[in-house]
Amino acid sequence: MIHPLVGRMFDSNIYVVDGEVVTIIDCGTGLYFDDTMKRLSEIIDTREIDQIVLTHEHVDHSGGAEYFKKRLKKIKILAHERTAELLEKGMEPTAKLFSLPAPRVKVDQKLREGDELIIGDDIYRVLYTPGHSEGSICLYQEDKGVLFSGDTIFSHGGIGRYDLPGGDLSKLERSIERISNLKIRDLYPGHGDYVIGSGDRHVRLSLINIGRI
């Protein structure tokens, strides 16, 4: 089961997927870590969290990772290999831009296009979707039509910013075109509303909107 925690202030949305491999998708800035842990504890036993998967390197999604590692020793951090490179070198590009702390993060498993992960009780495929950032990924569960889209696309036809460090409009457009060819029922973006049952329609709107730029 997927439990969404809508992001506070600067934070991304945080998604908890329970089951065989209890997983958190993105973890916010860390600025509100104690509140995040309180909210999580109302859903699950936080000691059972196995892994955090980061959809990209930006601090509003990744900044909390080191806080989780310190609190929950067994937890593993997974991210695309480019995201891992930036986080491990302390070179996350948006923290300084927004005057936010960005501790270095040790990534335990570096992901590539096509990798498969157990998240909850299901197998998800890693889709490398650059454009919003250099290390952006989406996580796709084909049988159920579930997509965690990070900041590549949002509900209601929203698209990720491409004017931040590491952004690239042409790459973002190609990534959205690729996503538009998938069967998507449920859409869980990095910010804003999530969508149950009509994800395809929202993705099509995103494709239309980026084509107008």
Protein backbone atom coordinates (compact mmCIF):
# COMPACT_ATOMS: atom_id res chain seq x y z
CA MET A 1 0.00 0.00 0.00
CA ILE A 2 1.19 3.51 -0.83
CA HIS A 3 0.88 6.20 1.84
CA PRO A 4 1.48 9.76 0.57
CA LEU A 5 2.82 12.48 2.88
CA VAL A 6 2.31 15.80 1.13
CA GLY A 7 5.42 17.95 1.46
CA ARG A 8 5.66 20.81 3.94
CA MET A 9 7.12 24.15 2.88
CA PHE A 10 10.32 23.37 0.93
CA ASP A 11 9.92 19.59 1.22
CA SER A 12 9.04 17.23 -1.59
CA ASN A 13 6.20 14.80 -1.18
CA ILE A 14 7.28 11.71 0.71
CA TYR A 15 5.75 8.35 -0.19
CA VAL A 16 5.75 5.34 2.11
CA VAL A 17 5.26 1.96 0.44
CA ASP A 18 4.69 -0.83 2.93
CA GLY A 19 5.00 -4.56 2.31
CA GLU A 20 7.92 -6.96 1.96
CA VAL A 21 10.48 -4.17 1.42
CA VAL A 22 9.27 -1.07 3.27
CA THR A 23 10.35 1.85 1.13
CA ILE A 24 10.33 5.63 1.27
CA ILE A 25 10.33 7.49 -2.04
CA ASP A 26 12.13 10.81 -1.49
CA CYS A 27 12.67 12.24 1.96
CA GLY A 28 12.43 16.03 1.94
CA THR A 29 15.03 18.58 3.00
CA GLY A 30 15.54 17.29 6.53
CA LEU A 31 14.48 20.68 7.93
CA TYR A 32 11.33 19.10 9.33
CA PHE A 33 12.81 15.70 10.11
CA ASP A 34 11.28 15.27 13.57
CA ASP A 35 7.84 16.14 12.24
CA THR A 36 8.37 13.77 9.31
CA MET A 37 9.28 10.94 11.68
CA LYS A 38 6.18 11.65 13.75
CA ARG A 39 4.00 11.51 10.65
CA LEU A 40 5.68 8.31 9.50
CA SER A 41 5.24 6.67 12.90
CA GLU A 42 1.48 7.13 12.56
CA ILE A 43 1.61 4.93 9.46
CA ILE A 44 4.32 2.33 10.12
CA ASP A 45 6.90 1.22 12.64
CA THR A 46 9.77 3.38 11.40
CA ARG A 47 12.28 0.74 12.52
CA GLU A 48 10.95 -1.44 9.69
CA ILE A 49 11.93 0.98 6.92
CA ASP A 50 14.36 -0.85 4.64
CA GLN A 51 15.30 1.70 2.01
CA ILE A 52 14.93 5.20 0.66
CA VAL A 53 14.84 5.68 -3.10
CA LEU A 54 15.67 9.19 -4.28
CA THR A 55 14.12 10.33 -7.56
CA HIS A 56 16.90 12.91 -8.01
CA GLU A 57 19.57 14.89 -6.25
CA HIS A 58 17.84 18.20 -5.46
CA VAL A 59 17.94 19.05 -1.77
CA ASP A 60 14.16 19.20 -1.33
CA HIS A 61 14.12 15.47 -2.15
CA SER A 62 17.47 14.29 -0.81
CA GLY A 63 18.42 16.52 2.12
CA GLY A 64 16.70 14.30 4.68
CA ALA A 65 18.58 11.15 3.67
CA GLU A 66 21.49 11.65 6.05
CA TYR A 67 19.09 12.30 8.94
CA PHE A 68 17.38 8.98 8.24
CA LYS A 69 20.74 7.20 8.04
CA LYS A 70 21.74 8.53 11.45
CA ARG A 71 18.42 7.63 13.08
CA LEU A 72 17.81 4.27 11.38
CA LYS A 73 21.15 2.51 11.03
CA LYS A 74 20.02 -0.32 8.75
CA ILE A 75 18.38 1.88 6.15
CA LYS A 76 19.84 1.91 2.62
CA ILE A 77 19.86 4.85 0.23
CA LEU A 78 19.29 4.18 -3.48
CA ALA A 79 19.69 6.73 -6.28
CA HIS A 80 20.76 7.06 -9.88
CA GLU A 81 24.52 6.89 -10.33
CA ARG A 82 24.73 10.58 -11.35
CA THR A 83 22.69 11.62 -8.31
CA ALA A 84 24.97 9.48 -6.15
CA GLU A 85 28.07 11.15 -7.58
CA LEU A 86 26.76 14.64 -6.82
CA LEU A 87 25.51 13.80 -3.32
CA GLU A 88 28.65 11.98 -2.26
CA LYS A 89 30.83 14.91 -3.36
CA GLY A 90 28.59 17.45 -1.64
CA MET A 91 27.89 19.03 -5.02
CA GLU A 92 24.08 19.01 -4.96
CA PRO A 93 23.37 22.09 -7.09
CA THR A 94 20.23 23.64 -5.59
CA ALA A 95 21.04 23.80 -1.86
CA LYS A 96 23.23 26.88 -2.15
CA LEU A 97 20.77 28.46 -4.54
CA PHE A 98 17.99 28.25 -1.93
CA SER A 99 20.23 28.69 1.14
CA LEU A 100 19.47 25.21 2.46
CA PRO A 101 21.85 22.78 4.16
CA ALA A 102 22.88 19.78 2.07
CA PRO A 103 24.93 17.21 3.99
CA ARG A 104 26.93 14.71 1.97
CA VAL A 105 25.03 11.48 1.48
CA LYS A 106 26.54 8.03 1.02
CA VAL A 107 24.43 6.17 -1.54
CA ASP A 108 24.36 2.43 -0.90
CA GLN A 109 23.03 1.31 -4.27
CA LYS A 110 23.60 3.20 -7.51
CA LEU A 111 20.84 2.79 -10.04
CA ARG A 112 20.80 2.73 -13.82
CA GLU A 113 18.20 2.65 -16.56
CA GLY A 114 16.32 -0.64 -16.55
CA ASP A 115 17.25 -1.76 -13.04
CA GLU A 116 14.48 -3.54 -11.16
CA LEU A 117 13.74 -2.94 -7.49
CA ILE A 118 11.38 -4.50 -4.99
CA ILE A 119 9.36 -1.67 -3.50
CA GLY A 120 6.74 -2.82 -1.04
CA ASP A 121 5.47 -6.06 -2.55
CA ASP A 122 5.99 -5.16 -6.21
CA ILE A 123 8.79 -4.97 -8.74
CA TYR A 124 9.43 -1.49 -10.12
CA ARG A 125 11.58 -0.59 -13.11
CA VAL A 126 13.98 2.35 -13.01
CA LEU A 127 13.47 4.82 -15.87
CA TYR A 128 16.25 7.34 -16.40
CA THR A 129 14.43 10.59 -17.17
CA PRO A 130 16.88 13.53 -17.23
CA GLY A 131 15.80 17.07 -17.98
CA HIS A 132 14.73 18.45 -14.61
CA SER A 133 18.07 17.35 -13.21
CA GLU A 134 21.05 15.29 -14.31
CA GLY A 135 20.13 12.28 -12.19
CA SER A 136 16.34 12.23 -12.44
CA ILE A 137 14.58 8.88 -12.44
CA CYS A 138 11.01 7.64 -12.40
CA LEU A 139 9.90 4.36 -10.84
CA TYR A 140 7.37 2.35 -12.85
CA GLN A 141 5.22 -0.62 -11.89
CA GLU A 142 3.89 -1.87 -15.20
CA ASP A 143 1.25 -4.38 -14.08
CA LYS A 144 -0.54 -1.84 -11.88
CA GLY A 145 0.29 1.21 -13.97
CA VAL A 146 1.92 3.07 -11.08
CA LEU A 147 4.50 5.80 -11.68
CA PHE A 148 6.53 7.74 -9.14
CA SER A 149 7.56 10.65 -11.35
CA GLY A 150 9.76 12.80 -9.11
CA ASP A 151 9.90 16.29 -10.59
CA THR A 152 9.77 15.20 -14.22
CA ILE A 153 6.00 15.61 -14.44
CA PHE A 154 3.25 16.66 -12.05
CA SER A 155 -0.50 16.28 -11.96
CA HIS A 156 -2.74 18.62 -13.97
CA GLY A 157 -0.20 18.81 -16.80
CA GLY A 158 2.65 20.23 -14.77
CA ILE A 159 6.25 19.77 -15.87
CA GLY A 160 9.52 19.98 -13.98
CA ARG A 161 11.64 23.10 -13.99
CA TYR A 162 14.47 23.00 -16.49
CA ASP A 163 16.08 26.32 -15.52
CA LEU A 164 17.87 24.99 -12.42
CA PRO A 165 21.48 23.75 -12.51
CA GLY A 166 21.53 20.47 -14.44
CA GLY A 167 18.23 21.17 -16.19
CA ASP A 168 17.78 20.73 -19.93
CA LEU A 169 14.55 21.45 -21.79
CA SER A 170 15.21 19.13 -24.74
CA LYS A 171 16.06 16.22 -22.44
CA LEU A 172 12.97 16.91 -20.33
CA GLU A 173 10.77 16.87 -23.43
CA ARG A 174 12.21 13.52 -24.51
CA SER A 175 11.67 12.11 -21.02
CA ILE A 176 8.04 13.23 -20.98
CA GLU A 177 7.47 11.81 -24.47
CA ARG A 178 8.81 8.50 -23.21
CA ILE A 179 6.54 8.54 -20.16
CA SER A 180 3.53 9.34 -22.35
CA ASN A 181 3.94 5.95 -24.06
CA LEU A 182 3.47 4.06 -20.80
CA LYS A 183 0.24 2.81 -19.29
CA ILE A 184 -0.16 4.98 -16.20
CA ARG A 185 -3.10 4.63 -13.89
CA ASP A 186 -1.76 6.16 -10.67
CA LEU A 187 0.66 9.09 -10.73
CA TYR A 188 2.70 10.05 -7.68
CA PRO A 189 4.71 13.23 -8.39
CA GLY A 190 7.38 14.91 -6.29
CA HIS A 191 5.15 17.86 -5.38
CA GLY A 192 1.46 18.64 -5.38
CA ASP A 193 -1.52 16.37 -5.90
CA TYR A 194 -1.22 12.69 -6.65
CA VAL A 195 -3.66 11.01 -9.04
CA ILE A 196 -5.49 7.71 -8.67
CA GLY A 197 -7.06 6.14 -11.74
CA SER A 198 -6.52 8.80 -14.41
CA GLY A 199 -2.76 9.26 -14.54
CA ASP A 200 -2.64 8.89 -18.34
CA ARG A 201 -4.75 12.00 -18.82
CA HIS A 202 -2.45 14.10 -16.64
CA VAL A 203 0.63 12.82 -18.48
CA ARG A 204 -0.91 13.72 -21.84
CA LEU A 205 -1.50 17.25 -20.56
CA SER A 206 2.15 17.48 -19.54
CA LEU A 207 3.21 16.41 -23.02
CA ILE A 208 0.96 19.04 -24.59
CA ASN A 209 2.25 21.74 -22.27
CA ILE A 210 5.94 21.10 -22.85
CA GLY A 211 5.29 21.05 -26.58
CA ARG A 212 4.03 24.64 -26.31
CA ILE A 213 7.29 25.98 -24.90
